[in-house]
PDB file of N, CA and C in Angstrom:
ATOM      1  N   MET A   1      22.249  16.990   5.564  1.00  0.00           N
ATOM      2  CA  MET A   1      21.111  16.235   5.188  1.00  0.00           C
ATOM      3  C   MET A   1      21.122  16.101   3.658  1.00  0.00           C
ATOM      4  N   LEU A   2      20.737  14.844   3.239  1.00  0.00           N
ATOM      5  CA  LEU A   2      20.739  14.557   1.778  1.00  0.00           C
ATOM      6  C   LEU A   2      19.393  15.151   1.170  1.00  0.00           C
ATOM      7  N   ALA A   3      19.656  15.641   0.096  1.00  0.00           N
ATOM      8  CA  ALA A   3      18.426  16.177  -0.682  1.00  0.00           C
ATOM      9  C   ALA A   3      17.788  14.974  -1.310  1.00  0.00           C
ATOM     10  N   THR A   4      16.451  14.872  -1.247  1.00  0.00           N
ATOM     11  CA  THR A   4      15.807  13.845  -2.001  1.00  0.00           C
ATOM     12  C   THR A   4      14.848  14.402  -3.037  1.00  0.00           C
ATOM     13  N   LYS A   5      14.697  13.486  -4.219  1.00  0.00           N
ATOM     14  CA  LYS A   5      13.999  14.057  -5.257  1.00  0.00           C
ATOM     15  C   LYS A   5      12.498  13.373  -5.108  1.00  0.00           C
ATOM     16  N   PRO A   6      11.452  14.139  -5.311  1.00  0.00           N
ATOM     17  CA  PRO A   6      10.164  13.587  -5.427  1.00  0.00           C
ATOM     18  C   PRO A   6      10.061  12.346  -6.215  1.00  0.00           C
ATOM     19  N   ILE A   7       9.151  11.448  -5.904  1.00  0.00           N
ATOM     20  CA  ILE A   7       8.938  10.244  -6.507  1.00  0.00           C
ATOM     21  C   ILE A   7       7.929  10.619  -7.780  1.00  0.00           C
ATOM     22  N   THR A   8       8.366  10.361  -8.964  1.00  0.00           N
ATOM     23  CA  THR A   8       7.555  10.665 -10.091  1.00  0.00           C
ATOM     24  C   THR A   8       6.949   9.489 -10.712  1.00  0.00           C
ATOM     25  N   THR A   9       7.407   8.349 -10.280  1.00  0.00           N
ATOM     26  CA  THR A   9       6.935   7.028 -10.775  1.00  0.00           C
ATOM     27  C   THR A   9       5.555   6.797 -10.312  1.00  0.00           C
ATOM     28  N   LEU A  10       4.684   6.192 -11.164  1.00  0.00           N
ATOM     29  CA  LEU A  10       3.205   6.028 -10.760  1.00  0.00           C
ATOM     30  C   LEU A  10       3.001   4.550 -10.843  1.00  0.00           C
ATOM     31  N   ILE A  11       1.945   4.214  -9.992  1.00  0.00           N
ATOM     32  CA  ILE A  11       1.408   2.770  -9.916  1.00  0.00           C
ATOM     33  C   ILE A  11       0.536   2.634 -11.118  1.00  0.00           C
ATOM     34  N   GLU A  12       0.723   1.598 -11.853  1.00  0.00           N
ATOM     35  CA  GLU A  12      -0.240   1.295 -13.044  1.00  0.00           C
ATOM     36  C   GLU A  12      -1.249   0.278 -12.610  1.00  0.00           C
ATOM     37  N   SER A  13      -0.903  -0.733 -11.889  1.00  0.00           N
ATOM     38  CA  SER A  13      -1.891  -1.704 -11.431  1.00  0.00           C
ATOM     39  C   SER A  13      -1.543  -2.350 -10.053  1.00  0.00           C
ATOM     40  N   VAL A  14      -2.517  -2.823  -9.448  1.00  0.00           N
ATOM     41  CA  VAL A  14      -2.164  -3.563  -8.119  1.00  0.00           C
ATOM     42  C   VAL A  14      -3.125  -4.684  -8.026  1.00  0.00           C
ATOM     43  N   SER A  15      -2.669  -5.884  -7.468  1.00  0.00           N
ATOM     44  CA  SER A  15      -3.478  -6.975  -7.088  1.00  0.00           C
ATOM     45  C   SER A  15      -2.964  -7.559  -5.818  1.00  0.00           C
ATOM     46  N   TYR A  16      -3.942  -8.341  -5.225  1.00  0.00           N
ATOM     47  CA  TYR A  16      -3.492  -8.945  -3.843  1.00  0.00           C
ATOM     48  C   TYR A  16      -3.327 -10.462  -4.158  1.00  0.00           C
ATOM     49  N   GLU A  17      -2.247 -11.030  -3.754  1.00  0.00           N
ATOM     50  CA  GLU A  17      -1.870 -12.453  -3.855  1.00  0.00           C
ATOM     51  C   GLU A  17      -2.004 -12.885  -2.593  1.00  0.00           C
ATOM     52  N   ALA A  18      -3.022 -13.808  -2.372  1.00  0.00           N
ATOM     53  CA  ALA A  18      -3.341 -14.412  -1.007  1.00  0.00           C
ATOM     54  C   ALA A  18      -2.169 -15.394  -0.588  1.00  0.00           C
ATOM     55  N   LYS A  19      -1.801 -16.175  -1.571  1.00  0.00           N
ATOM     56  CA  LYS A  19      -0.651 -17.162  -1.243  1.00  0.00           C
ATOM     57  C   LYS A  19       0.471 -16.617  -0.531  1.00  0.00           C
ATOM     58  N   GLY A  20       0.956 -15.494  -0.910  1.00  0.00           N
ATOM     59  CA  GLY A  20       2.151 -14.848  -0.338  1.00  0.00           C
ATOM     60  C   GLY A  20       1.664 -13.643   0.621  1.00  0.00           C
ATOM     61  N   ARG A  21       0.395 -13.394   0.678  1.00  0.00           N
ATOM     62  CA  ARG A  21      -0.085 -12.461   1.535  1.00  0.00           C
ATOM     63  C   ARG A  21       0.528 -11.030   1.188  1.00  0.00           C
ATOM     64  N   CYS A  22       0.577 -10.719  -0.135  1.00  0.00           N
ATOM     65  CA  CYS A  22       1.217  -9.450  -0.588  1.00  0.00           C
ATOM     66  C   CYS A  22       0.576  -8.797  -1.677  1.00  0.00           C
ATOM     67  N   PHE A  23       0.927  -7.569  -1.895  1.00  0.00           N
ATOM     68  CA  PHE A  23       0.396  -6.757  -2.991  1.00  0.00           C
ATOM     69  C   PHE A  23       1.437  -6.801  -4.062  1.00  0.00           C
ATOM     70  N   GLU A  24       0.979  -7.114  -5.282  1.00  0.00           N
ATOM     71  CA  GLU A  24       1.772  -7.080  -6.454  1.00  0.00           C
ATOM     72  C   GLU A  24       1.575  -5.798  -7.235  1.00  0.00           C
ATOM     73  N   ILE A  25       2.457  -4.915  -7.323  1.00  0.00           N
ATOM     74  CA  ILE A  25       2.289  -3.504  -7.838  1.00  0.00           C
ATOM     75  C   ILE A  25       3.137  -3.449  -9.189  1.00  0.00           C
ATOM     76  N   SER A  26       2.522  -2.983 -10.187  1.00  0.00           N
ATOM     77  CA  SER A  26       3.267  -2.649 -11.418  1.00  0.00           C
ATOM     78  C   SER A  26       3.415  -1.092 -11.486  1.00  0.00           C
ATOM     79  N   LEU A  27       4.645  -0.691 -11.860  1.00  0.00           N
ATOM     80  CA  LEU A  27       4.774   0.715 -11.845  1.00  0.00           C
ATOM     81  C   LEU A  27       5.045   1.067 -13.420  1.00  0.00           C
ATOM     82  N   ASP A  28       4.766   2.522 -13.550  1.00  0.00           N
ATOM     83  CA  ASP A  28       4.776   2.963 -15.084  1.00  0.00           C
ATOM     84  C   ASP A  28       6.298   2.829 -15.654  1.00  0.00           C
ATOM     85  N   ASN A  29       7.243   2.579 -14.883  1.00  0.00           N
ATOM     86  CA  ASN A  29       8.606   2.452 -15.458  1.00  0.00           C
ATOM     87  C   ASN A  29       8.986   0.985 -15.772  1.00  0.00           C
ATOM     88  N   GLY A  30       8.011   0.030 -15.698  1.00  0.00           N
ATOM     89  CA  GLY A  30       8.211  -1.286 -15.999  1.00  0.00           C
ATOM     90  C   GLY A  30       8.598  -2.128 -14.807  1.00  0.00           C
ATOM     91  N   SER A  31       8.870  -1.635 -13.661  1.00  0.00           N
ATOM     92  CA  SER A  31       9.143  -2.389 -12.442  1.00  0.00           C
ATOM     93  C   SER A  31       7.946  -3.021 -11.786  1.00  0.00           C
ATOM     94  N   LYS A  32       8.187  -3.999 -11.038  1.00  0.00           N
ATOM     95  CA  LYS A  32       7.161  -4.649 -10.282  1.00  0.00           C
ATOM     96  C   LYS A  32       7.630  -4.612  -8.779  1.00  0.00           C
ATOM     97  N   LEU A  33       6.731  -4.503  -7.864  1.00  0.00           N
ATOM     98  CA  LEU A  33       7.065  -4.340  -6.499  1.00  0.00           C
ATOM     99  C   LEU A  33       6.169  -5.358  -5.813  1.00  0.00           C
ATOM    100  N   LEU A  34       6.624  -6.185  -4.902  1.00  0.00           N
ATOM    101  CA  LEU A  34       5.938  -7.114  -4.031  1.00  0.00           C
ATOM    102  C   LEU A  34       6.028  -6.534  -2.676  1.00  0.00           C
ATOM    103  N   VAL A  35       4.863  -6.311  -2.012  1.00  0.00           N
ATOM    104  CA  VAL A  35       4.807  -5.609  -0.725  1.00  0.00           C
ATOM    105  C   VAL A  35       4.060  -6.556   0.145  1.00  0.00           C
ATOM    106  N   PRO A  36       4.688  -7.326   1.114  1.00  0.00           N
ATOM    107  CA  PRO A  36       4.082  -8.069   2.054  1.00  0.00           C
ATOM    108  C   PRO A  36       3.099  -7.237   2.932  1.00  0.00           C
ATOM    109  N   VAL A  37       1.785  -7.661   2.988  1.00  0.00           N
ATOM    110  CA  VAL A  37       0.864  -6.881   3.730  1.00  0.00           C
ATOM    111  C   VAL A  37       1.301  -6.702   5.170  1.00  0.00           C
ATOM    112  N   ASP A  38       1.863  -7.653   5.773  1.00  0.00           N
ATOM    113  CA  ASP A  38       2.207  -7.610   7.233  1.00  0.00           C
ATOM    114  C   ASP A  38       3.295  -6.607   7.599  1.00  0.00           C
ATOM    115  N   LEU A  39       3.918  -6.125   6.563  1.00  0.00           N
ATOM    116  CA  LEU A  39       4.899  -5.022   6.732  1.00  0.00           C
ATOM    117  C   LEU A  39       4.295  -3.639   6.886  1.00  0.00           C
ATOM    118  N   LEU A  40       3.073  -3.544   6.432  1.00  0.00           N
ATOM    119  CA  LEU A  40       2.307  -2.212   6.416  1.00  0.00           C
ATOM    120  C   LEU A  40       1.648  -1.997   7.813  1.00  0.00           C
ATOM    121  N   VAL A  41       1.807  -0.742   8.287  1.00  0.00           N
ATOM    122  CA  VAL A  41       1.172  -0.345   9.520  1.00  0.00           C
ATOM    123  C   VAL A  41      -0.263   0.095   9.193  1.00  0.00           C
ATOM    124  N   MET A  42      -1.198  -0.582   9.621  1.00  0.00           N
ATOM    125  CA  MET A  42      -2.602  -0.310   9.447  1.00  0.00           C
ATOM    126  C   MET A  42      -3.179   0.235  10.657  1.00  0.00           C
ATOM    127  N   GLU A  43      -3.695   1.519  10.633  1.00  0.00           N
ATOM    128  CA  GLU A  43      -4.314   2.275  11.739  1.00  0.00           C
ATOM    129  C   GLU A  43      -5.410   3.017  11.324  1.00  0.00           C
ATOM    130  N   LEU A  44      -6.315   3.325  12.281  1.00  0.00           N
ATOM    131  CA  LEU A  44      -7.320   4.246  12.089  1.00  0.00           C
ATOM    132  C   LEU A  44      -7.503   5.270  13.138  1.00  0.00           C
ATOM    133  N   TRP A  45      -7.850   6.459  12.704  1.00  0.00           N
ATOM    134  CA  TRP A  45      -8.096   7.536  13.700  1.00  0.00           C
ATOM    135  C   TRP A  45      -9.457   7.414  14.240  1.00  0.00           C
ATOM    136  N   GLU A  46      -9.548   7.035  15.510  1.00  0.00           N
ATOM    137  CA  GLU A  46     -10.834   6.850  16.125  1.00  0.00           C
ATOM    138  C   GLU A  46     -10.845   7.261  17.613  1.00  0.00           C
ATOM    139  N   ASP A  47     -11.966   8.081  17.921  1.00  0.00           N
ATOM    140  CA  ASP A  47     -12.050   8.583  19.413  1.00  0.00           C
ATOM    141  C   ASP A  47     -10.880   9.429  19.764  1.00  0.00           C
ATOM    142  N   GLY A  48     -10.252  10.218  18.806  1.00  0.00           N
ATOM    143  CA  GLY A  48      -9.152  11.097  19.157  1.00  0.00           C
ATOM    144  C   GLY A  48      -7.799  10.411  19.281  1.00  0.00           C
ATOM    145  N   GLN A  49      -7.777   9.093  18.726  1.00  0.00           N
ATOM    146  CA  GLN A  49      -6.476   8.487  18.852  1.00  0.00           C
ATOM    147  C   GLN A  49      -6.212   7.416  17.653  1.00  0.00           C
ATOM    148  N   LEU A  50      -5.150   7.160  17.458  1.00  0.00           N
ATOM    149  CA  LEU A  50      -4.761   6.038  16.448  1.00  0.00           C
ATOM    150  C   LEU A  50      -5.014   4.744  17.021  1.00  0.00           C
ATOM    151  N   LYS A  51      -5.766   3.810  16.398  1.00  0.00           N
ATOM    152  CA  LYS A  51      -5.938   2.437  16.882  1.00  0.00           C
ATOM    153  C   LYS A  51      -5.535   1.455  15.702  1.00  0.00           C
ATOM    154  N   ALA A  52      -5.060   0.386  16.081  1.00  0.00           N
ATOM    155  CA  ALA A  52      -4.663  -0.513  15.136  1.00  0.00           C
ATOM    156  C   ALA A  52      -5.902  -1.285  14.469  1.00  0.00           C
ATOM    157  N   VAL A  53      -5.768  -1.598  13.228  1.00  0.00           N
ATOM    158  CA  VAL A  53      -6.872  -2.120  12.457  1.00  0.00           C
ATOM    159  C   VAL A  53      -6.715  -3.683  12.525  1.00  0.00           C
ATOM    160  N   PRO A  54      -7.858  -4.295  12.960  1.00  0.00           N
ATOM    161  CA  PRO A  54      -7.711  -5.677  12.989  1.00  0.00           C
ATOM    162  C   PRO A  54      -7.207  -6.489  11.808  1.00  0.00           C
ATOM    163  N   ARG A  55      -6.496  -7.526  11.826  1.00  0.00           N
ATOM    164  CA  ARG A  55      -5.791  -8.111  10.648  1.00  0.00           C
ATOM    165  C   ARG A  55      -6.789  -8.358   9.541  1.00  0.00           C
ATOM    166  N   PRO A  56      -6.619  -7.673   8.356  1.00  0.00           N
ATOM    167  CA  PRO A  56      -7.489  -7.777   7.238  1.00  0.00           C
ATOM    168  C   PRO A  56      -7.591  -9.249   6.708  1.00  0.00           C
ATOM    169  N   THR A  57      -8.735  -9.641   6.184  1.00  0.00           N
ATOM    170  CA  THR A  57      -8.941 -10.928   5.527  1.00  0.00           C
ATOM    171  C   THR A  57      -8.557 -10.838   4.020  1.00  0.00           C
ATOM    172  N   ASP A  58      -8.224 -12.020   3.463  1.00  0.00           N
ATOM    173  CA  ASP A  58      -7.861 -11.990   2.167  1.00  0.00           C
ATOM    174  C   ASP A  58      -9.031 -11.322   1.253  1.00  0.00           C
ATOM    175  N   ALA A  59     -10.258 -11.663   1.589  1.00  0.00           N
ATOM    176  CA  ALA A  59     -11.396 -11.043   0.839  1.00  0.00           C
ATOM    177  C   ALA A  59     -11.197  -9.525   0.929  1.00  0.00           C
ATOM    178  N   GLN A  60     -10.993  -8.910   2.103  1.00  0.00           N
ATOM    179  CA  GLN A  60     -10.876  -7.519   2.229  1.00  0.00           C
ATOM    180  C   GLN A  60      -9.731  -6.968   1.467  1.00  0.00           C
ATOM    181  N   LEU A  61      -8.554  -7.636   1.539  1.00  0.00           N
ATOM    182  CA  LEU A  61      -7.304  -7.177   0.692  1.00  0.00           C
ATOM    183  C   LEU A  61      -7.459  -7.330  -0.652  1.00  0.00           C
ATOM    184  N   SER A  62      -8.230  -8.216  -1.187  1.00  0.00           N
ATOM    185  CA  SER A  62      -8.525  -8.437  -2.626  1.00  0.00           C
ATOM    186  C   SER A  62      -9.263  -7.235  -3.288  1.00  0.00           C
ATOM    187  N   THR A  63      -9.740  -6.245  -2.531  1.00  0.00           N
ATOM    188  CA  THR A  63     -10.477  -5.158  -3.042  1.00  0.00           C
ATOM    189  C   THR A  63      -9.544  -4.061  -3.336  1.00  0.00           C
ATOM    190  N   VAL A  64      -8.331  -4.244  -3.318  1.00  0.00           N
ATOM    191  CA  VAL A  64      -7.309  -3.119  -3.340  1.00  0.00           C
ATOM    192  C   VAL A  64      -7.405  -2.610  -4.675  1.00  0.00           C
ATOM    193  N   GLN A  65      -7.174  -1.285  -4.975  1.00  0.00           N
ATOM    194  CA  GLN A  65      -7.237  -0.548  -6.232  1.00  0.00           C
ATOM    195  C   GLN A  65      -6.223   0.545  -6.267  1.00  0.00           C
ATOM    196  N   VAL A  66      -5.875   0.925  -7.480  1.00  0.00           N
ATOM    197  CA  VAL A  66      -4.964   2.048  -7.634  1.00  0.00           C
ATOM    198  C   VAL A  66      -5.819   3.290  -7.290  1.00  0.00           C
ATOM    199  N   TRP A  67      -5.134   4.210  -6.628  1.00  0.00           N
ATOM    200  CA  TRP A  67      -5.862   5.539  -6.261  1.00  0.00           C
ATOM    201  C   TRP A  67      -5.050   6.722  -6.462  1.00  0.00           C
ATOM    202  N   SER A  68      -5.645   7.843  -6.529  1.00  0.00           N
ATOM    203  CA  SER A  68      -5.114   9.146  -6.623  1.00  0.00           C
ATOM    204  C   SER A  68      -4.104   9.183  -7.918  1.00  0.00           C
ATOM    205  N   GLY A  69      -4.664   8.755  -8.973  1.00  0.00           N
ATOM    206  CA  GLY A  69      -3.931   8.917 -10.210  1.00  0.00           C
ATOM    207  C   GLY A  69      -2.636   8.124 -10.299  1.00  0.00           C
ATOM    208  N   GLY A  70      -2.571   7.026  -9.532  1.00  0.00           N
ATOM    209  CA  GLY A  70      -1.339   6.252  -9.522  1.00  0.00           C
ATOM    210  C   GLY A  70      -0.406   6.447  -8.318  1.00  0.00           C
ATOM    211  N   ARG A  71      -0.784   7.339  -7.545  1.00  0.00           N
ATOM    212  CA  ARG A  71       0.137   7.867  -6.489  1.00  0.00           C
ATOM    213  C   ARG A  71       0.056   6.921  -5.249  1.00  0.00           C
ATOM    214  N   SER A  72      -1.047   6.234  -5.031  1.00  0.00           N
ATOM    215  CA  SER A  72      -1.256   5.343  -3.886  1.00  0.00           C
ATOM    216  C   SER A  72      -2.180   4.096  -4.209  1.00  0.00           C
ATOM    217  N   ILE A  73      -2.335   3.195  -3.257  1.00  0.00           N
ATOM    218  CA  ILE A  73      -3.310   2.169  -3.485  1.00  0.00           C
ATOM    219  C   ILE A  73      -4.221   2.384  -2.254  1.00  0.00           C
ATOM    220  N   ASP A  74      -5.487   1.832  -2.475  1.00  0.00           N
ATOM    221  CA  ASP A  74      -6.530   2.002  -1.517  1.00  0.00           C
ATOM    222  C   ASP A  74      -7.358   0.721  -1.339  1.00  0.00           C
ATOM    223  N   ILE A  75      -7.522   0.539  -0.001  1.00  0.00           N
ATOM    224  CA  ILE A  75      -8.424  -0.727   0.292  1.00  0.00           C
ATOM    225  C   ILE A  75      -9.553   0.060   1.127  1.00  0.00           C
ATOM    226  N   ASP A  76     -10.561   0.302   0.458  1.00  0.00           N
ATOM    227  CA  ASP A  76     -11.681   1.233   1.004  1.00  0.00           C
ATOM    228  C   ASP A  76     -12.457   0.564   2.035  1.00  0.00           C
ATOM    229  N   CYS A  77     -12.697  -0.820   1.948  1.00  0.00           N
ATOM    230  CA  CYS A  77     -13.470  -1.442   2.903  1.00  0.00           C
ATOM    231  C   CYS A  77     -12.848  -1.507   4.379  1.00  0.00           C
ATOM    232  N   ILE A  78     -11.539  -1.264   4.474  1.00  0.00           N
ATOM    233  CA  ILE A  78     -10.908  -1.181   5.748  1.00  0.00           C
ATOM    234  C   ILE A  78     -10.324   0.268   5.948  1.00  0.00           C
ATOM    235  N   LYS A  79     -10.692   1.132   5.154  1.00  0.00           N
ATOM    236  CA  LYS A  79     -10.230   2.504   5.097  1.00  0.00           C
ATOM    237  C   LYS A  79      -8.647   2.688   5.361  1.00  0.00           C
ATOM    238  N   GLN A  80      -7.992   2.031   4.357  1.00  0.00           N
ATOM    239  CA  GLN A  80      -6.491   2.101   4.347  1.00  0.00           C
ATOM    240  C   GLN A  80      -6.009   2.541   2.948  1.00  0.00           C
ATOM    241  N   ASN A  81      -4.977   3.451   3.022  1.00  0.00           N
ATOM    242  CA  ASN A  81      -4.508   4.042   1.862  1.00  0.00           C
ATOM    243  C   ASN A  81      -2.992   4.107   2.028  1.00  0.00           C
ATOM    244  N   PHE A  82      -2.331   3.650   1.069  1.00  0.00           N
ATOM    245  CA  PHE A  82      -0.783   3.658   1.229  1.00  0.00           C
ATOM    246  C   PHE A  82      -0.187   4.334  -0.070  1.00  0.00           C
ATOM    247  N   GLY A  83       0.533   5.467   0.175  1.00  0.00           N
ATOM    248  CA  GLY A  83       1.256   6.095  -0.978  1.00  0.00           C
ATOM    249  C   GLY A  83       2.491   5.188  -1.418  1.00  0.00           C
ATOM    250  N   LEU A  84       3.008   5.426  -2.697  1.00  0.00           N
ATOM    251  CA  LEU A  84       4.076   4.677  -3.230  1.00  0.00           C
ATOM    252  C   LEU A  84       5.344   4.771  -2.260  1.00  0.00           C
ATOM    253  N   GLU A  85       5.586   6.013  -1.721  1.00  0.00           N
ATOM    254  CA  GLU A  85       6.666   6.156  -0.753  1.00  0.00           C
ATOM    255  C   GLU A  85       6.510   5.218   0.341  1.00  0.00           C
ATOM    256  N   GLN A  86       5.328   5.052   0.960  1.00  0.00           N
ATOM    257  CA  GLN A  86       5.179   4.236   2.060  1.00  0.00           C
ATOM    258  C   GLN A  86       5.452   2.792   1.798  1.00  0.00           C
ATOM    259  N   LEU A  87       4.957   2.392   0.574  1.00  0.00           N
ATOM    260  CA  LEU A  87       5.096   1.132   0.216  1.00  0.00           C
ATOM    261  C   LEU A  87       6.539   0.706  -0.006  1.00  0.00           C
ATOM    262  N   LEU A  88       7.384   1.642  -0.712  1.00  0.00           N
ATOM    263  CA  LEU A  88       8.745   1.540  -0.811  1.00  0.00           C
ATOM    264  C   LEU A  88       9.485   1.427   0.453  1.00  0.00           C
ATOM    265  N   ARG A  89       9.089   2.251   1.364  1.00  0.00           N
ATOM    266  CA  ARG A  89       9.681   2.107   2.769  1.00  0.00           C
ATOM    267  C   ARG A  89       9.562   0.918   3.434  1.00  0.00           C
ATOM    268  N   ALA A  90       8.296   0.331   3.342  1.00  0.00           N
ATOM    269  CA  ALA A  90       7.870  -0.970   3.917  1.00  0.00           C
ATOM    270  C   ALA A  90       8.765  -2.004   3.391  1.00  0.00           C
ATOM    271  N   VAL A  91       8.943  -2.097   2.159  1.00  0.00           N
ATOM    272  CA  VAL A  91       9.933  -3.267   1.643  1.00  0.00           C
ATOM    273  C   VAL A  91      11.379  -2.958   1.921  1.00  0.00           C
ATOM    274  N   ALA A  92      11.763  -1.764   2.118  1.00  0.00           N
ATOM    275  CA  ALA A  92      13.179  -1.497   2.426  1.00  0.00           C
ATOM    276  C   ALA A  92      13.542  -1.740   3.896  1.00  0.00           C
ATOM    277  N   SER A  93      12.613  -1.701   4.653  1.00  0.00           N
ATOM    278  CA  SER A  93      12.800  -1.928   6.204  1.00  0.00           C
ATOM    279  C   SER A  93      13.133  -3.247   6.581  1.00  0.00           C
TER     280      SER A  93
END
């Protein structure tokens, strides 16, 4: 098994680009990351089980903000939070 180092890079800013339906994320190391929203698994825990979240609107996605000191992004109105590792995995898949 390969040893992995923890991610120490932080998210500095995030915005939603409706035209490409993606999050544009700026990292503290100067990198930018484009994450297509439709690559992210959006689920909620409800009635004792995971349920898919209905496809979010552009207005909902535009409320995205940096969360947890730069370790994740949060879309509060649809109760979704994605850590940097999740975002990196989504674009790598």
